[in-house]
Amino acid sequence: IRDEERGYNKNLFCIPKHYEEDLERVFIPHGLILDRTERLARDIMQDMGNHHIVALCVLKGGYKFFADLLDHIKALNQNGDKSVPVTVDFVRIKSYC
């Protein structure tokens, strides 16, 4: 996102009441994030070819993105010409003190 980017008016979106006062604008709409996540899944499947995919999620902040990405990879595996094995694992990292 460029520094001069103004984002979208928050009135274009359904904002939960408890966020209305804290939020001025929306910079990246949810649909755009979902679309980019699906594109990333397609890129991964193309780049990996027929190689086994090992997916590693860093807990806890990355779980939602990780789950969405794996859902797209799973759909591509089920609906595509090829099926690539996927192994999933999780790692928990402690922040620096």
PDB file of N, CA and C in Angstrom:
ATOM      1  N   ILE A   1       0.857  -1.180   0.000  1.00  0.00           N
ATOM      2  CA  ILE A   1       0.000   0.000   0.000  1.00  0.00           C
ATOM      3  C   ILE A   1       0.894   1.232   0.000  1.00  0.00           C
ATOM      4  N   ARG A   2       0.652   2.105  -0.920  1.00  0.00           N
ATOM      5  CA  ARG A   2       1.434   3.335  -1.005  1.00  0.00           C
ATOM      6  C   ARG A   2       1.080   4.276   0.140  1.00  0.00           C
ATOM      7  N   ASP A   3       2.031   5.127   0.512  1.00  0.00           N
ATOM      8  CA  ASP A   3       1.804   6.080   1.601  1.00  0.00           C
ATOM      9  C   ASP A   3       0.642   7.020   1.315  1.00  0.00           C
ATOM     10  N   GLU A   4       0.460   7.383   0.051  1.00  0.00           N
ATOM     11  CA  GLU A   4      -0.613   8.332  -0.295  1.00  0.00           C
ATOM     12  C   GLU A   4      -1.979   7.657  -0.477  1.00  0.00           C
ATOM     13  N   GLU A   5      -2.028   6.344  -0.344  1.00  0.00           N
ATOM     14  CA  GLU A   5      -3.288   5.604  -0.488  1.00  0.00           C
ATOM     15  C   GLU A   5      -4.295   6.055   0.570  1.00  0.00           C
ATOM     16  N   ARG A   6      -5.496   6.394   0.128  1.00  0.00           N
ATOM     17  CA  ARG A   6      -6.524   6.878   1.049  1.00  0.00           C
ATOM     18  C   ARG A   6      -7.482   5.770   1.495  1.00  0.00           C
ATOM     19  N   GLY A   7      -7.475   4.655   0.810  1.00  0.00           N
ATOM     20  CA  GLY A   7      -8.363   3.564   1.187  1.00  0.00           C
ATOM     21  C   GLY A   7      -9.796   3.822   0.740  1.00  0.00           C
ATOM     22  N   TYR A   8     -10.718   3.049   1.314  1.00  0.00           N
ATOM     23  CA  TYR A   8     -12.132   3.130   0.973  1.00  0.00           C
ATOM     24  C   TYR A   8     -12.903   3.721   2.147  1.00  0.00           C
ATOM     25  N   ASN A   9     -13.952   4.446   1.841  1.00  0.00           N
ATOM     26  CA  ASN A   9     -14.816   4.998   2.873  1.00  0.00           C
ATOM     27  C   ASN A   9     -15.443   3.851   3.654  1.00  0.00           C
ATOM     28  N   LYS A  10     -15.418   3.945   4.969  1.00  0.00           N
ATOM     29  CA  LYS A  10     -15.937   2.844   5.796  1.00  0.00           C
ATOM     30  C   LYS A  10     -17.437   2.647   5.620  1.00  0.00           C
ATOM     31  N   ASN A  11     -18.137   3.640   5.093  1.00  0.00           N
ATOM     32  CA  ASN A  11     -19.583   3.520   4.882  1.00  0.00           C
ATOM     33  C   ASN A  11     -19.929   2.567   3.739  1.00  0.00           C
ATOM     34  N   LEU A  12     -18.941   2.142   2.986  1.00  0.00           N
ATOM     35  CA  LEU A  12     -19.162   1.177   1.912  1.00  0.00           C
ATOM     36  C   LEU A  12     -19.201  -0.261   2.421  1.00  0.00           C
ATOM     37  N   PHE A  13     -18.908  -0.440   3.720  1.00  0.00           N
ATOM     38  CA  PHE A  13     -18.782  -1.776   4.297  1.00  0.00           C
ATOM     39  C   PHE A  13     -19.687  -1.947   5.507  1.00  0.00           C
ATOM     40  N   CYS A  14     -19.961  -3.198   5.845  1.00  0.00           N
ATOM     41  CA  CYS A  14     -20.687  -3.523   7.072  1.00  0.00           C
ATOM     42  C   CYS A  14     -19.653  -3.629   8.189  1.00  0.00           C
ATOM     43  N   ILE A  15     -19.597  -2.616   9.018  1.00  0.00           N
ATOM     44  CA  ILE A  15     -18.608  -2.552  10.094  1.00  0.00           C
ATOM     45  C   ILE A  15     -19.305  -2.914  11.403  1.00  0.00           C
ATOM     46  N   PRO A  16     -18.749  -3.850  12.177  1.00  0.00           N
ATOM     47  CA  PRO A  16     -19.342  -4.162  13.480  1.00  0.00           C
ATOM     48  C   PRO A  16     -19.403  -2.913  14.362  1.00  0.00           C
ATOM     49  N   LYS A  17     -20.479  -2.785  15.105  1.00  0.00           N
ATOM     50  CA  LYS A  17     -20.712  -1.599  15.947  1.00  0.00           C
ATOM     51  C   LYS A  17     -19.522  -1.284  16.842  1.00  0.00           C
ATOM     52  N   HIS A  18     -18.893  -2.312  17.410  1.00  0.00           N
ATOM     53  CA  HIS A  18     -17.819  -2.059  18.360  1.00  0.00           C
ATOM     54  C   HIS A  18     -16.544  -1.541  17.686  1.00  0.00           C
ATOM     55  N   TYR A  19     -16.499  -1.509  16.332  1.00  0.00           N
ATOM     56  CA  TYR A  19     -15.348  -0.953  15.624  1.00  0.00           C
ATOM     57  C   TYR A  19     -15.643   0.406  14.986  1.00  0.00           C
ATOM     58  N   GLU A  20     -16.901   0.809  14.916  1.00  0.00           N
ATOM     59  CA  GLU A  20     -17.282   2.014  14.178  1.00  0.00           C
ATOM     60  C   GLU A  20     -16.519   3.262  14.613  1.00  0.00           C
ATOM     61  N   GLU A  21     -16.333   3.457  15.891  1.00  0.00           N
ATOM     62  CA  GLU A  21     -15.665   4.661  16.385  1.00  0.00           C
ATOM     63  C   GLU A  21     -14.149   4.609  16.189  1.00  0.00           C
ATOM     64  N   ASP A  22     -13.587   3.415  16.107  1.00  0.00           N
ATOM     65  CA  ASP A  22     -12.142   3.261  15.997  1.00  0.00           C
ATOM     66  C   ASP A  22     -11.644   3.245  14.554  1.00  0.00           C
ATOM     67  N   LEU A  23     -12.530   3.075  13.620  1.00  0.00           N
ATOM     68  CA  LEU A  23     -12.155   2.872  12.230  1.00  0.00           C
ATOM     69  C   LEU A  23     -12.495   4.104  11.395  1.00  0.00           C
ATOM     70  N   GLU A  24     -11.516   4.596  10.632  1.00  0.00           N
ATOM     71  CA  GLU A  24     -11.758   5.736   9.745  1.00  0.00           C
ATOM     72  C   GLU A  24     -12.001   5.288   8.310  1.00  0.00           C
ATOM     73  N   ARG A  25     -11.153   4.374   7.807  1.00  0.00           N
ATOM     74  CA  ARG A  25     -11.224   3.919   6.424  1.00  0.00           C
ATOM     75  C   ARG A  25     -10.821   2.442   6.351  1.00  0.00           C
ATOM     76  N   VAL A  26     -11.140   1.810   5.238  1.00  0.00           N
ATOM     77  CA  VAL A  26     -10.748   0.424   4.987  1.00  0.00           C
ATOM     78  C   VAL A  26      -9.697   0.450   3.880  1.00  0.00           C
ATOM     79  N   PHE A  27      -8.516  -0.085   4.163  1.00  0.00           N
ATOM     80  CA  PHE A  27      -7.443  -0.075   3.174  1.00  0.00           C
ATOM     81  C   PHE A  27      -7.467  -1.296   2.272  1.00  0.00           C
ATOM     82  N   ILE A  28      -7.751  -2.466   2.834  1.00  0.00           N
ATOM     83  CA  ILE A  28      -7.779  -3.687   2.033  1.00  0.00           C
ATOM     84  C   ILE A  28      -9.085  -4.427   2.348  1.00  0.00           C
ATOM     85  N   PRO A  29     -10.039  -4.414   1.417  1.00  0.00           N
ATOM     86  CA  PRO A  29     -11.308  -5.107   1.647  1.00  0.00           C
ATOM     87  C   PRO A  29     -11.107  -6.619   1.768  1.00  0.00           C
ATOM     88  N   HIS A  30     -11.963  -7.259   2.545  1.00  0.00           N
ATOM     89  CA  HIS A  30     -11.882  -8.696   2.797  1.00  0.00           C
ATOM     90  C   HIS A  30     -11.900  -9.502   1.506  1.00  0.00           C
ATOM     91  N   GLY A  31     -12.743  -9.111   0.562  1.00  0.00           N
ATOM     92  CA  GLY A  31     -12.833  -9.831  -0.706  1.00  0.00           C
ATOM     93  C   GLY A  31     -11.519  -9.816  -1.468  1.00  0.00           C
ATOM     94  N   LEU A  32     -10.804  -8.711  -1.399  1.00  0.00           N
ATOM     95  CA  LEU A  32      -9.503  -8.616  -2.057  1.00  0.00           C
ATOM     96  C   LEU A  32      -8.495  -9.549  -1.393  1.00  0.00           C
ATOM     97  N   ILE A  33      -8.557  -9.650  -0.079  1.00  0.00           N
ATOM     98  CA  ILE A  33      -7.674 -10.566   0.646  1.00  0.00           C
ATOM     99  C   ILE A  33      -7.986 -12.012   0.265  1.00  0.00           C
ATOM    100  N   LEU A  34      -9.278 -12.352   0.196  1.00  0.00           N
ATOM    101  CA  LEU A  34      -9.660 -13.715  -0.204  1.00  0.00           C
ATOM    102  C   LEU A  34      -9.208 -14.028  -1.623  1.00  0.00           C
ATOM    103  N   ASP A  35      -9.365 -13.067  -2.527  1.00  0.00           N
ATOM    104  CA  ASP A  35      -8.952 -13.275  -3.904  1.00  0.00           C
ATOM    105  C   ASP A  35      -7.443 -13.492  -3.998  1.00  0.00           C
ATOM    106  N   ARG A  36      -6.677 -12.699  -3.269  1.00  0.00           N
ATOM    107  CA  ARG A  36      -5.210 -12.829  -3.291  1.00  0.00           C
ATOM    108  C   ARG A  36      -4.773 -14.146  -2.658  1.00  0.00           C
ATOM    109  N   THR A  37      -5.488 -14.588  -1.623  1.00  0.00           N
ATOM    110  CA  THR A  37      -5.175 -15.864  -0.982  1.00  0.00           C
ATOM    111  C   THR A  37      -5.407 -17.015  -1.959  1.00  0.00           C
ATOM    112  N   GLU A  38      -6.497 -16.940  -2.717  1.00  0.00           N
ATOM    113  CA  GLU A  38      -6.763 -17.975  -3.720  1.00  0.00           C
ATOM    114  C   GLU A  38      -5.685 -17.955  -4.800  1.00  0.00           C
ATOM    115  N   ARG A  39      -5.270 -16.773  -5.212  1.00  0.00           N
ATOM    116  CA  ARG A  39      -4.213 -16.666  -6.223  1.00  0.00           C
ATOM    117  C   ARG A  39      -2.904 -17.259  -5.711  1.00  0.00           C
ATOM    118  N   LEU A  40      -2.602 -17.011  -4.428  1.00  0.00           N
ATOM    119  CA  LEU A  40      -1.400 -17.569  -3.815  1.00  0.00           C
ATOM    120  C   LEU A  40      -1.454 -19.097  -3.812  1.00  0.00           C
ATOM    121  N   ALA A  41      -2.627 -19.656  -3.518  1.00  0.00           N
ATOM    122  CA  ALA A  41      -2.792 -21.115  -3.533  1.00  0.00           C
ATOM    123  C   ALA A  41      -2.537 -21.662  -4.933  1.00  0.00           C
ATOM    124  N   ARG A  42      -3.049 -20.979  -5.949  1.00  0.00           N
ATOM    125  CA  ARG A  42      -2.822 -21.403  -7.341  1.00  0.00           C
ATOM    126  C   ARG A  42      -1.335 -21.342  -7.684  1.00  0.00           C
ATOM    127  N   ASP A  43      -0.673 -20.277  -7.251  1.00  0.00           N
ATOM    128  CA  ASP A  43       0.768 -20.139  -7.511  1.00  0.00           C
ATOM    129  C   ASP A  43       1.558 -21.260  -6.830  1.00  0.00           C
ATOM    130  N   ILE A  44       1.190 -21.580  -5.597  1.00  0.00           N
ATOM    131  CA  ILE A  44       1.870 -22.655  -4.867  1.00  0.00           C
ATOM    132  C   ILE A  44       1.699 -23.979  -5.592  1.00  0.00           C
ATOM    133  N   MET A  45       0.470 -24.275  -5.995  1.00  0.00           N
ATOM    134  CA  MET A  45       0.209 -25.540  -6.702  1.00  0.00           C
ATOM    135  C   MET A  45       0.990 -25.605  -8.013  1.00  0.00           C
ATOM    136  N   GLN A  46       1.074 -24.503  -8.725  1.00  0.00           N
ATOM    137  CA  GLN A  46       1.807 -24.482  -9.984  1.00  0.00           C
ATOM    138  C   GLN A  46       3.307 -24.637  -9.738  1.00  0.00           C
ATOM    139  N   ASP A  47       3.832 -23.916  -8.765  1.00  0.00           N
ATOM    140  CA  ASP A  47       5.266 -23.958  -8.479  1.00  0.00           C
ATOM    141  C   ASP A  47       5.718 -25.305  -7.933  1.00  0.00           C
ATOM    142  N   MET A  48       4.868 -25.958  -7.153  1.00  0.00           N
ATOM    143  CA  MET A  48       5.251 -27.227  -6.519  1.00  0.00           C
ATOM    144  C   MET A  48       5.191 -28.404  -7.494  1.00  0.00           C
ATOM    145  N   GLY A  49       4.464 -28.244  -8.581  1.00  0.00           N
ATOM    146  CA  GLY A  49       4.351 -29.351  -9.536  1.00  0.00           C
ATOM    147  C   GLY A  49       3.712 -30.550  -8.853  1.00  0.00           C
ATOM    148  N   ASN A  50       4.384 -31.689  -8.868  1.00  0.00           N
ATOM    149  CA  ASN A  50       3.858 -32.895  -8.220  1.00  0.00           C
ATOM    150  C   ASN A  50       4.562 -33.179  -6.900  1.00  0.00           C
ATOM    151  N   HIS A  51       5.318 -32.216  -6.381  1.00  0.00           N
ATOM    152  CA  HIS A  51       6.048 -32.401  -5.131  1.00  0.00           C
ATOM    153  C   HIS A  51       5.113 -32.307  -3.929  1.00  0.00           C
ATOM    154  N   HIS A  52       5.440 -33.041  -2.915  1.00  0.00           N
ATOM    155  CA  HIS A  52       4.718 -33.027  -1.637  1.00  0.00           C
ATOM    156  C   HIS A  52       4.802 -31.621  -1.034  1.00  0.00           C
ATOM    157  N   ILE A  53       3.677 -31.102  -0.550  1.00  0.00           N
ATOM    158  CA  ILE A  53       3.646 -29.788   0.091  1.00  0.00           C
ATOM    159  C   ILE A  53       3.660 -29.983   1.600  1.00  0.00           C
ATOM    160  N   VAL A  54       4.581 -29.320   2.270  1.00  0.00           N
ATOM    161  CA  VAL A  54       4.620 -29.313   3.729  1.00  0.00           C
ATOM    162  C   VAL A  54       4.237 -27.902   4.158  1.00  0.00           C
ATOM    163  N   ALA A  55       3.072 -27.760   4.780  1.00  0.00           N
ATOM    164  CA  ALA A  55       2.560 -26.456   5.201  1.00  0.00           C
ATOM    165  C   ALA A  55       2.765 -26.297   6.701  1.00  0.00           C
ATOM    166  N   LEU A  56       3.429 -25.230   7.083  1.00  0.00           N
ATOM    167  CA  LEU A  56       3.753 -24.973   8.479  1.00  0.00           C
ATOM    168  C   LEU A  56       3.134 -23.652   8.900  1.00  0.00           C
ATOM    169  N   CYS A  57       2.280 -23.690   9.901  1.00  0.00           N
ATOM    170  CA  CYS A  57       1.590 -22.493  10.397  1.00  0.00           C
ATOM    171  C   CYS A  57       2.257 -22.005  11.675  1.00  0.00           C
ATOM    172  N   VAL A  58       2.532 -20.703  11.720  1.00  0.00           N
ATOM    173  CA  VAL A  58       3.054 -20.095  12.942  1.00  0.00           C
ATOM    174  C   VAL A  58       1.846 -19.638  13.762  1.00  0.00           C
ATOM    175  N   LEU A  59       1.665 -20.274  14.931  1.00  0.00           N
ATOM    176  CA  LEU A  59       0.551 -19.914  15.809  1.00  0.00           C
ATOM    177  C   LEU A  59       0.896 -18.648  16.562  1.00  0.00           C
ATOM    178  N   LYS A  60      -0.011 -17.866  16.936  1.00  0.00           N
ATOM    179  CA  LYS A  60      -1.428 -18.014  16.822  1.00  0.00           C
ATOM    180  C   LYS A  60      -1.976 -17.067  15.762  1.00  0.00           C
ATOM    181  N   GLY A  61      -1.256 -16.019  15.459  1.00  0.00           N
ATOM    182  CA  GLY A  61      -1.771 -14.995  14.551  1.00  0.00           C
ATOM    183  C   GLY A  61      -2.001 -15.425  13.127  1.00  0.00           C
ATOM    184  N   GLY A  62      -1.309 -16.436  12.653  1.00  0.00           N
ATOM    185  CA  GLY A  62      -1.417 -16.818  11.256  1.00  0.00           C
ATOM    186  C   GLY A  62      -2.462 -17.870  10.964  1.00  0.00           C
ATOM    187  N   TYR A  63      -3.192 -18.324  11.971  1.00  0.00           N
ATOM    188  CA  TYR A  63      -4.082 -19.467  11.783  1.00  0.00           C
ATOM    189  C   TYR A  63      -5.184 -19.208  10.749  1.00  0.00           C
ATOM    190  N   LYS A  64      -5.856 -18.076  10.792  1.00  0.00           N
ATOM    191  CA  LYS A  64      -6.988 -17.814   9.892  1.00  0.00           C
ATOM    192  C   LYS A  64      -6.522 -17.774   8.435  1.00  0.00           C
ATOM    193  N   PHE A  65      -5.438 -17.055   8.181  1.00  0.00           N
ATOM    194  CA  PHE A  65      -4.888 -17.003   6.831  1.00  0.00           C
ATOM    195  C   PHE A  65      -4.456 -18.399   6.380  1.00  0.00           C
ATOM    196  N   PHE A  66      -3.782 -19.119   7.262  1.00  0.00           N
ATOM    197  CA  PHE A  66      -3.303 -20.465   6.971  1.00  0.00           C
ATOM    198  C   PHE A  66      -4.470 -21.384   6.602  1.00  0.00           C
ATOM    199  N   ALA A  67      -5.537 -21.327   7.377  1.00  0.00           N
ATOM    200  CA  ALA A  67      -6.709 -22.177   7.121  1.00  0.00           C
ATOM    201  C   ALA A  67      -7.346 -21.825   5.779  1.00  0.00           C
ATOM    202  N   ASP A  68      -7.471 -20.527   5.481  1.00  0.00           N
ATOM    203  CA  ASP A  68      -8.046 -20.107   4.199  1.00  0.00           C
ATOM    204  C   ASP A  68      -7.172 -20.567   3.026  1.00  0.00           C
ATOM    205  N   LEU A  69      -5.863 -20.426   3.172  1.00  0.00           N
ATOM    206  CA  LEU A  69      -4.939 -20.852   2.119  1.00  0.00           C
ATOM    207  C   LEU A  69      -5.041 -22.357   1.878  1.00  0.00           C
ATOM    208  N   LEU A  70      -5.081 -23.137   2.960  1.00  0.00           N
ATOM    209  CA  LEU A  70      -5.204 -24.591   2.813  1.00  0.00           C
ATOM    210  C   LEU A  70      -6.544 -25.000   2.218  1.00  0.00           C
ATOM    211  N   ASP A  71      -7.607 -24.261   2.526  1.00  0.00           N
ATOM    212  CA  ASP A  71      -8.907 -24.541   1.908  1.00  0.00           C
ATOM    213  C   ASP A  71      -8.832 -24.389   0.389  1.00  0.00           C
ATOM    214  N   HIS A  72      -8.158 -23.349  -0.063  1.00  0.00           N
ATOM    215  CA  HIS A  72      -8.009 -23.141  -1.506  1.00  0.00           C
ATOM    216  C   HIS A  72      -7.131 -24.224  -2.130  1.00  0.00           C
ATOM    217  N   ILE A  73      -6.065 -24.598  -1.453  1.00  0.00           N
ATOM    218  CA  ILE A  73      -5.196 -25.666  -1.961  1.00  0.00           C
ATOM    219  C   ILE A  73      -5.970 -26.983  -2.026  1.00  0.00           C
ATOM    220  N   LYS A  74      -6.763 -27.263  -1.000  1.00  0.00           N
ATOM    221  CA  LYS A  74      -7.576 -28.482  -0.978  1.00  0.00           C
ATOM    222  C   LYS A  74      -8.569 -28.495  -2.141  1.00  0.00           C
ATOM    223  N   ALA A  75      -9.216 -27.358  -2.395  1.00  0.00           N
ATOM    224  CA  ALA A  75     -10.171 -27.276  -3.505  1.00  0.00           C
ATOM    225  C   ALA A  75      -9.468 -27.502  -4.842  1.00  0.00           C
ATOM    226  N   LEU A  76      -8.293 -26.931  -4.999  1.00  0.00           N
ATOM    227  CA  LEU A  76      -7.533 -27.146  -6.235  1.00  0.00           C
ATOM    228  C   LEU A  76      -7.111 -28.604  -6.371  1.00  0.00           C
ATOM    229  N   ASN A  77      -6.765 -29.230  -5.260  1.00  0.00           N
ATOM    230  CA  ASN A  77      -6.395 -30.642  -5.266  1.00  0.00           C
ATOM    231  C   ASN A  77      -7.570 -31.513  -5.689  1.00  0.00           C
ATOM    232  N   GLN A  78      -8.756 -31.185  -5.211  1.00  0.00           N
ATOM    233  CA  GLN A  78      -9.944 -31.994  -5.500  1.00  0.00           C
ATOM    234  C   GLN A  78     -10.487 -31.756  -6.902  1.00  0.00           C
ATOM    235  N   ASN A  79     -10.346 -30.537  -7.401  1.00  0.00           N
ATOM    236  CA  ASN A  79     -10.976 -30.176  -8.671  1.00  0.00           C
ATOM    237  C   ASN A  79     -10.000 -30.065  -9.832  1.00  0.00           C
ATOM    238  N   GLY A  80      -8.726 -30.256  -9.561  1.00  0.00           N
ATOM    239  CA  GLY A  80      -7.722 -30.112 -10.611  1.00  0.00           C
ATOM    240  C   GLY A  80      -7.375 -31.419 -11.278  1.00  0.00           C
ATOM    241  N   ASP A  81      -6.435 -31.321 -12.197  1.00  0.00           N
ATOM    242  CA  ASP A  81      -5.982 -32.501 -12.939  1.00  0.00           C
ATOM    243  C   ASP A  81      -5.054 -33.376 -12.125  1.00  0.00           C
ATOM    244  N   LYS A  82      -4.427 -32.785 -11.124  1.00  0.00           N
ATOM    245  CA  LYS A  82      -3.468 -33.538 -10.311  1.00  0.00           C
ATOM    246  C   LYS A  82      -3.804 -33.362  -8.834  1.00  0.00           C
ATOM    247  N   SER A  83      -3.356 -34.311  -8.047  1.00  0.00           N
ATOM    248  CA  SER A  83      -3.534 -34.244  -6.600  1.00  0.00           C
ATOM    249  C   SER A  83      -2.166 -34.356  -5.953  1.00  0.00           C
ATOM    250  N   VAL A  84      -1.835 -33.349  -5.151  1.00  0.00           N
ATOM    251  CA  VAL A  84      -0.528 -33.287  -4.503  1.00  0.00           C
ATOM    252  C   VAL A  84      -0.715 -33.547  -3.014  1.00  0.00           C
ATOM    253  N   PRO A  85       0.090 -34.443  -2.422  1.00  0.00           N
ATOM    254  CA  PRO A  85      -0.038 -34.673  -0.986  1.00  0.00           C
ATOM    255  C   PRO A  85       0.354 -33.423  -0.192  1.00  0.00           C
ATOM    256  N   VAL A  86      -0.406 -33.159   0.867  1.00  0.00           N
ATOM    257  CA  VAL A  86      -0.156 -31.997   1.717  1.00  0.00           C
ATOM    258  C   VAL A  86      -0.042 -32.465   3.159  1.00  0.00           C
ATOM    259  N   THR A  87       1.038 -32.084   3.812  1.00  0.00           N
ATOM    260  CA  THR A  87       1.228 -32.342   5.240  1.00  0.00           C
ATOM    261  C   THR A  87       1.128 -31.010   5.963  1.00  0.00           C
ATOM    262  N   VAL A  88       0.394 -30.997   7.070  1.00  0.00           N
ATOM    263  CA  VAL A  88       0.170 -29.764   7.826  1.00  0.00           C
ATOM    264  C   VAL A  88       0.764 -29.913   9.217  1.00  0.00           C
ATOM    265  N   ASP A  89       1.437 -28.866   9.664  1.00  0.00           N
ATOM    266  CA  ASP A  89       1.977 -28.857  11.018  1.00  0.00           C
ATOM    267  C   ASP A  89       1.924 -27.439  11.564  1.00  0.00           C
ATOM    268  N   PHE A  90       2.115 -27.310  12.859  1.00  0.00           N
ATOM    269  CA  PHE A  90       2.023 -26.022  13.539  1.00  0.00           C
ATOM    270  C   PHE A  90       3.247 -25.823  14.413  1.00  0.00           C
ATOM    271  N   VAL A  91       3.656 -24.582  14.547  1.00  0.00           N
ATOM    272  CA  VAL A  91       4.763 -24.235  15.424  1.00  0.00           C
ATOM    273  C   VAL A  91       4.332 -23.003  16.229  1.00  0.00           C
ATOM    274  N   ARG A  92       4.700 -23.032  17.476  1.00  0.00           N
ATOM    275  CA  ARG A  92       4.399 -21.898  18.358  1.00  0.00           C
ATOM    276  C   ARG A  92       5.723 -21.244  18.713  1.00  0.00           C
ATOM    277  N   ILE A  93       5.815 -19.950  18.474  1.00  0.00           N
ATOM    278  CA  ILE A  93       7.056 -19.236  18.708  1.00  0.00           C
ATOM    279  C   ILE A  93       6.836 -18.207  19.804  1.00  0.00           C
ATOM    280  N   LYS A  94       7.787 -18.147  20.701  1.00  0.00           N
ATOM    281  CA  LYS A  94       7.720 -17.184  21.793  1.00  0.00           C
ATOM    282  C   LYS A  94       8.357 -15.871  21.336  1.00  0.00           C
ATOM    283  N   SER A  95       7.727 -14.769  21.651  1.00  0.00           N
ATOM    284  CA  SER A  95       8.256 -13.453  21.289  1.00  0.00           C
ATOM    285  C   SER A  95       9.542 -13.171  22.052  1.00  0.00           C
ATOM    286  N   TYR A  96      10.345 -12.309  21.459  1.00  0.00           N
ATOM    287  CA  TYR A  96      11.561 -11.890  22.148  1.00  0.00           C
ATOM    288  C   TYR A  96      11.202 -11.113  23.413  1.00  0.00           C
ATOM    289  N   CYS A  97      12.013 -11.259  24.444  1.00  0.00           N
ATOM    290  CA  CYS A  97      11.768 -10.533  25.692  1.00  0.00           C
ATOM    291  C   CYS A  97      12.427  -9.166  25.636  1.00  0.00           C
TER     292      CYS A  97
END
